[in-house]
Amino acid sequence: MPNRSRLKRIATRAAIAYFVAMAVAVTFPGVTPFNTIRPFIFGVPFVFAWYLCWIVGSLLVFAFLYKVFSE
């Protein structure tokens, strides 16, 4: 099925792009603009919420990859 193969290729490339962006966003140069304690988001400092959002995003990416590759 050529469409399935194409979908897998696109999903893989999108996941790679997300994880490269995540690596930049949570390391020194990428996190610098967001490295503040205030405001608090759901009771945690902003920088921790920044990391948490990227981690939850990676969970969603892995779930999407699982769905694409399991069928």
C-alpha atoms as a PDB file:
ATOM      1  CA  MET A   1       0.000   0.000   0.000  1.00  0.00           C
ATOM      2  CA  PRO A   2       1.878   3.113  -1.172  1.00  0.00           C
ATOM      3  CA  ASN A   3      -0.156   5.572   0.907  1.00  0.00           C
ATOM      4  CA  ARG A   4       0.678   3.680   4.111  1.00  0.00           C
ATOM      5  CA  SER A   5       4.374   3.758   3.300  1.00  0.00           C
ATOM      6  CA  ARG A   6       4.194   7.480   2.604  1.00  0.00           C
ATOM      7  CA  LEU A   7       2.348   8.097   5.868  1.00  0.00           C
ATOM      8  CA  LYS A   8       5.023   6.196   7.796  1.00  0.00           C
ATOM      9  CA  ARG A   9       7.774   8.217   6.153  1.00  0.00           C
ATOM     10  CA  ILE A  10       6.037  11.528   6.892  1.00  0.00           C
ATOM     11  CA  ALA A  11       5.310  10.498  10.490  1.00  0.00           C
ATOM     12  CA  THR A  12       8.936   9.510  11.033  1.00  0.00           C
ATOM     13  CA  ARG A  13      10.255  12.777   9.617  1.00  0.00           C
ATOM     14  CA  ALA A  14       7.798  14.808  11.676  1.00  0.00           C
ATOM     15  CA  ALA A  15       8.834  12.940  14.844  1.00  0.00           C
ATOM     16  CA  ILE A  16      12.512  13.540  14.109  1.00  0.00           C
ATOM     17  CA  ALA A  17      11.816  17.243  13.557  1.00  0.00           C
ATOM     18  CA  TYR A  18       9.875  17.425  16.840  1.00  0.00           C
ATOM     19  CA  PHE A  19      12.623  15.764  18.853  1.00  0.00           C
ATOM     20  CA  VAL A  20      15.324  17.966  17.331  1.00  0.00           C
ATOM     21  CA  ALA A  21      13.216  21.017  18.223  1.00  0.00           C
ATOM     22  CA  MET A  22      12.729  19.580  21.709  1.00  0.00           C
ATOM     23  CA  ALA A  23      16.465  19.062  22.154  1.00  0.00           C
ATOM     24  CA  VAL A  24      17.102  22.702  21.266  1.00  0.00           C
ATOM     25  CA  ALA A  25      14.189  24.015  23.343  1.00  0.00           C
ATOM     26  CA  VAL A  26      15.139  22.296  26.599  1.00  0.00           C
ATOM     27  CA  THR A  27      18.898  22.856  26.508  1.00  0.00           C
ATOM     28  CA  PHE A  28      20.843  26.023  27.300  1.00  0.00           C
ATOM     29  CA  PRO A  29      20.310  28.288  24.283  1.00  0.00           C
ATOM     30  CA  GLY A  30      16.679  27.336  23.721  1.00  0.00           C
ATOM     31  CA  VAL A  31      15.452  27.594  27.288  1.00  0.00           C
ATOM     32  CA  THR A  32      17.108  30.949  28.071  1.00  0.00           C
ATOM     33  CA  PRO A  33      14.078  33.133  27.169  1.00  0.00           C
ATOM     34  CA  PHE A  34      11.810  30.923  29.271  1.00  0.00           C
ATOM     35  CA  ASN A  35      14.095  30.526  32.283  1.00  0.00           C
ATOM     36  CA  THR A  36      11.954  32.433  34.780  1.00  0.00           C
ATOM     37  CA  ILE A  37      10.371  31.396  38.035  1.00  0.00           C
ATOM     38  CA  ARG A  38       7.279  33.532  37.619  1.00  0.00           C
ATOM     39  CA  PRO A  39       4.568  33.207  36.371  1.00  0.00           C
ATOM     40  CA  PHE A  40       3.417  30.009  38.004  1.00  0.00           C
ATOM     41  CA  ILE A  41       1.481  27.623  35.785  1.00  0.00           C
ATOM     42  CA  PHE A  42      -0.643  25.085  37.673  1.00  0.00           C
ATOM     43  CA  GLY A  43       1.488  25.734  40.740  1.00  0.00           C
ATOM     44  CA  VAL A  44       4.888  25.092  39.162  1.00  0.00           C
ATOM     45  CA  PRO A  45       7.424  27.653  37.971  1.00  0.00           C
ATOM     46  CA  PHE A  46       7.261  28.566  34.303  1.00  0.00           C
ATOM     47  CA  VAL A  47      10.517  26.852  33.335  1.00  0.00           C
ATOM     48  CA  PHE A  48       9.285  23.548  34.789  1.00  0.00           C
ATOM     49  CA  ALA A  49       5.992  23.937  32.953  1.00  0.00           C
ATOM     50  CA  TRP A  50       8.050  24.542  29.775  1.00  0.00           C
ATOM     51  CA  TYR A  51       9.820  21.208  30.253  1.00  0.00           C
ATOM     52  CA  LEU A  52       6.569  19.468  31.156  1.00  0.00           C
ATOM     53  CA  CYS A  53       4.875  20.661  27.963  1.00  0.00           C
ATOM     54  CA  TRP A  54       7.708  19.244  25.853  1.00  0.00           C
ATOM     55  CA  ILE A  55       7.543  15.919  27.706  1.00  0.00           C
ATOM     56  CA  VAL A  56       3.775  15.648  27.243  1.00  0.00           C
ATOM     57  CA  GLY A  57       4.263  16.543  23.580  1.00  0.00           C
ATOM     58  CA  SER A  58       6.767  13.731  23.191  1.00  0.00           C
ATOM     59  CA  LEU A  59       4.232  11.339  24.711  1.00  0.00           C
ATOM     60  CA  LEU A  60       1.725  12.406  22.052  1.00  0.00           C
ATOM     61  CA  VAL A  61       4.310  11.992  19.288  1.00  0.00           C
ATOM     62  CA  PHE A  62       5.141   8.473  20.474  1.00  0.00           C
ATOM     63  CA  ALA A  63       1.430   7.598  20.660  1.00  0.00           C
ATOM     64  CA  PHE A  64       0.957   8.840  17.099  1.00  0.00           C
ATOM     65  CA  LEU A  65       3.962   6.844  15.877  1.00  0.00           C
ATOM     66  CA  TYR A  66       2.640   3.748  17.628  1.00  0.00           C
ATOM     67  CA  LYS A  67      -0.720   4.142  15.917  1.00  0.00           C
ATOM     68  CA  VAL A  68       0.849   4.666  12.498  1.00  0.00           C
ATOM     69  CA  PHE A  69       3.290   1.757  12.734  1.00  0.00           C
ATOM     70  CA  SER A  70       1.054  -0.762  14.516  1.00  0.00           C
ATOM     71  CA  GLU A  71      -1.459  -1.142  11.706  1.00  0.00           C
END
